[in-house]
Amino acid sequence: MNESWFRITPSLDALTITVHAQPGAKRSEIVGLHGDSLKVRIAAPPVEGKANAALLSFIAEVFAVPTKQVRLLRGESARHKVIEIIGSKVHPATLITPSDD
């Protein structure tokens, strides 16, 4: 399994993930891997930050943390984004099934 889409920093209790976002979907869901990124479909249009807000909320739900512990580090206006999650006990590798990559 390709694990280059995430980095765990235990000393900071932080997880950094690379995401390929696809806004305007029927529902928010993890699709699998897209190169070295986690592909996520987002049920929000890419206007006025709505897709970014929906993405951060969805990632918080997936990683079982409050939304305030999820932060967009890079890619505010791009599909390729880098997101930091603080305090999650969910290991990112568990989000991808072997057939997804």
C-alpha atoms as a PDB file:
ATOM      1  CA  MET A   1       0.000   0.000   0.000  1.00  0.00           C
ATOM      2  CA  ASN A   2       1.237   3.479  -0.904  1.00  0.00           C
ATOM      3  CA  GLU A   3       1.506   5.484   2.327  1.00  0.00           C
ATOM      4  CA  SER A   4       3.191   8.605   0.963  1.00  0.00           C
ATOM      5  CA  TRP A   5      -0.072  10.572   1.272  1.00  0.00           C
ATOM      6  CA  PHE A   6       0.248  10.957   5.048  1.00  0.00           C
ATOM      7  CA  ARG A   7       2.849  11.763   7.692  1.00  0.00           C
ATOM      8  CA  ILE A   8       2.488  11.155  11.421  1.00  0.00           C
ATOM      9  CA  THR A   9       4.368  13.365  13.883  1.00  0.00           C
ATOM     10  CA  PRO A  10       3.930  11.660  17.284  1.00  0.00           C
ATOM     11  CA  SER A  11       5.738  14.397  19.237  1.00  0.00           C
ATOM     12  CA  LEU A  12       3.079  16.917  18.138  1.00  0.00           C
ATOM     13  CA  ASP A  13       0.173  14.422  18.161  1.00  0.00           C
ATOM     14  CA  ALA A  14      -0.264  15.552  14.556  1.00  0.00           C
ATOM     15  CA  LEU A  15      -1.098  13.908  11.284  1.00  0.00           C
ATOM     16  CA  THR A  16      -0.559  15.608   7.938  1.00  0.00           C
ATOM     17  CA  ILE A  17      -2.396  14.301   4.890  1.00  0.00           C
ATOM     18  CA  THR A  18      -2.286  15.194   1.211  1.00  0.00           C
ATOM     19  CA  VAL A  19      -5.725  15.317  -0.393  1.00  0.00           C
ATOM     20  CA  HIS A  20      -6.973  15.531  -3.957  1.00  0.00           C
ATOM     21  CA  ALA A  21     -10.380  17.178  -3.531  1.00  0.00           C
ATOM     22  CA  GLN A  22     -13.233  16.796  -5.999  1.00  0.00           C
ATOM     23  CA  PRO A  23     -15.938  19.346  -5.128  1.00  0.00           C
ATOM     24  CA  GLY A  24     -19.503  19.277  -6.386  1.00  0.00           C
ATOM     25  CA  ALA A  25     -20.121  15.573  -5.712  1.00  0.00           C
ATOM     26  CA  LYS A  26     -23.472  14.062  -4.692  1.00  0.00           C
ATOM     27  CA  ARG A  27     -22.041  13.100  -1.301  1.00  0.00           C
ATOM     28  CA  SER A  28     -18.792  13.465   0.620  1.00  0.00           C
ATOM     29  CA  GLU A  29     -16.728  10.295   0.559  1.00  0.00           C
ATOM     30  CA  ILE A  30     -13.224   8.890   0.367  1.00  0.00           C
ATOM     31  CA  VAL A  31     -12.705   7.382  -3.066  1.00  0.00           C
ATOM     32  CA  GLY A  32      -9.198   5.935  -2.727  1.00  0.00           C
ATOM     33  CA  LEU A  33      -5.806   7.148  -3.796  1.00  0.00           C
ATOM     34  CA  HIS A  34      -5.025   9.590  -6.578  1.00  0.00           C
ATOM     35  CA  GLY A  35      -1.261   9.362  -7.092  1.00  0.00           C
ATOM     36  CA  ASP A  36       0.314  10.381  -3.775  1.00  0.00           C
ATOM     37  CA  SER A  37      -2.925  11.873  -2.416  1.00  0.00           C
ATOM     38  CA  LEU A  38      -6.107  10.687  -0.758  1.00  0.00           C
ATOM     39  CA  LYS A  39      -8.956  11.367  -3.200  1.00  0.00           C
ATOM     40  CA  VAL A  40     -12.007  12.820  -1.488  1.00  0.00           C
ATOM     41  CA  ARG A  41     -15.285  13.771  -3.131  1.00  0.00           C
ATOM     42  CA  ILE A  42     -16.965  16.730  -1.454  1.00  0.00           C
ATOM     43  CA  ALA A  43     -20.697  17.517  -1.546  1.00  0.00           C
ATOM     44  CA  ALA A  44     -20.233  21.267  -1.763  1.00  0.00           C
ATOM     45  CA  PRO A  45     -19.579  23.630  -4.670  1.00  0.00           C
ATOM     46  CA  PRO A  46     -16.104  25.138  -5.110  1.00  0.00           C
ATOM     47  CA  VAL A  47     -17.266  28.697  -4.425  1.00  0.00           C
ATOM     48  CA  GLU A  48     -16.538  31.127  -1.595  1.00  0.00           C
ATOM     49  CA  GLY A  49     -14.690  28.529   0.493  1.00  0.00           C
ATOM     50  CA  LYS A  50     -17.707  26.216   0.799  1.00  0.00           C
ATOM     51  CA  ALA A  51     -15.850  23.164  -0.520  1.00  0.00           C
ATOM     52  CA  ASN A  52     -12.889  23.790   1.811  1.00  0.00           C
ATOM     53  CA  ALA A  53     -15.169  24.146   4.829  1.00  0.00           C
ATOM     54  CA  ALA A  54     -17.051  20.976   3.873  1.00  0.00           C
ATOM     55  CA  LEU A  55     -13.757  19.133   3.303  1.00  0.00           C
ATOM     56  CA  LEU A  56     -12.375  20.103   6.719  1.00  0.00           C
ATOM     57  CA  SER A  57     -15.639  19.130   8.397  1.00  0.00           C
ATOM     58  CA  PHE A  58     -15.671  15.768   6.587  1.00  0.00           C
ATOM     59  CA  ILE A  59     -12.014  15.082   7.480  1.00  0.00           C
ATOM     60  CA  ALA A  60     -12.761  15.915  11.133  1.00  0.00           C
ATOM     61  CA  GLU A  61     -15.623  13.411  11.094  1.00  0.00           C
ATOM     62  CA  VAL A  62     -13.503  10.701   9.437  1.00  0.00           C
ATOM     63  CA  PHE A  63     -10.648  11.182  11.914  1.00  0.00           C
ATOM     64  CA  ALA A  64     -13.010  11.539  14.907  1.00  0.00           C
ATOM     65  CA  VAL A  65     -11.820  14.952  16.058  1.00  0.00           C
ATOM     66  CA  PRO A  66     -13.530  18.339  16.456  1.00  0.00           C
ATOM     67  CA  THR A  67     -13.382  20.531  13.339  1.00  0.00           C
ATOM     68  CA  LYS A  68     -11.212  23.054  15.200  1.00  0.00           C
ATOM     69  CA  GLN A  69      -8.441  20.390  15.277  1.00  0.00           C
ATOM     70  CA  VAL A  70      -8.329  20.219  11.468  1.00  0.00           C
ATOM     71  CA  ARG A  71      -6.476  22.903   9.538  1.00  0.00           C
ATOM     72  CA  LEU A  72      -5.814  23.554   5.860  1.00  0.00           C
ATOM     73  CA  LEU A  73      -2.068  24.145   5.504  1.00  0.00           C
ATOM     74  CA  ARG A  74      -1.793  24.499   1.715  1.00  0.00           C
ATOM     75  CA  GLY A  75      -4.042  24.532  -1.336  1.00  0.00           C
ATOM     76  CA  GLU A  76      -6.864  26.895  -0.468  1.00  0.00           C
ATOM     77  CA  SER A  77      -7.776  27.442  -4.129  1.00  0.00           C
ATOM     78  CA  ALA A  78      -6.398  24.189  -5.588  1.00  0.00           C
ATOM     79  CA  ARG A  79      -7.627  20.615  -5.727  1.00  0.00           C
ATOM     80  CA  HIS A  80      -4.346  19.417  -4.220  1.00  0.00           C
ATOM     81  CA  LYS A  81      -4.402  20.243  -0.499  1.00  0.00           C
ATOM     82  CA  VAL A  82      -2.331  19.571   2.604  1.00  0.00           C
ATOM     83  CA  ILE A  83      -4.326  19.183   5.824  1.00  0.00           C
ATOM     84  CA  GLU A  84      -3.171  18.859   9.429  1.00  0.00           C
ATOM     85  CA  ILE A  85      -5.176  16.876  11.975  1.00  0.00           C
ATOM     86  CA  ILE A  86      -4.388  17.110  15.695  1.00  0.00           C
ATOM     87  CA  GLY A  87      -5.228  14.434  18.242  1.00  0.00           C
ATOM     88  CA  SER A  88      -6.743  11.712  16.058  1.00  0.00           C
ATOM     89  CA  LYS A  89      -6.494   8.076  17.103  1.00  0.00           C
ATOM     90  CA  VAL A  90      -7.599   6.914  13.624  1.00  0.00           C
ATOM     91  CA  HIS A  91      -4.654   5.632  11.594  1.00  0.00           C
ATOM     92  CA  PRO A  92      -4.886   6.959   8.026  1.00  0.00           C
ATOM     93  CA  ALA A  93      -3.929   3.626   6.452  1.00  0.00           C
ATOM     94  CA  THR A  94      -7.206   2.148   7.737  1.00  0.00           C
ATOM     95  CA  LEU A  95      -9.153   4.476   5.403  1.00  0.00           C
ATOM     96  CA  ILE A  96      -7.890   2.730   2.269  1.00  0.00           C
ATOM     97  CA  THR A  97      -8.699  -0.838   1.368  1.00  0.00           C
ATOM     98  CA  PRO A  98      -5.984  -2.759  -0.537  1.00  0.00           C
ATOM     99  CA  SER A  99      -8.075  -2.699  -3.733  1.00  0.00           C
ATOM    100  CA  ASP A 100      -8.159   1.144  -3.647  1.00  0.00           C
ATOM    101  CA  ASP A 101      -4.531   1.674  -4.656  1.00  0.00           C
END
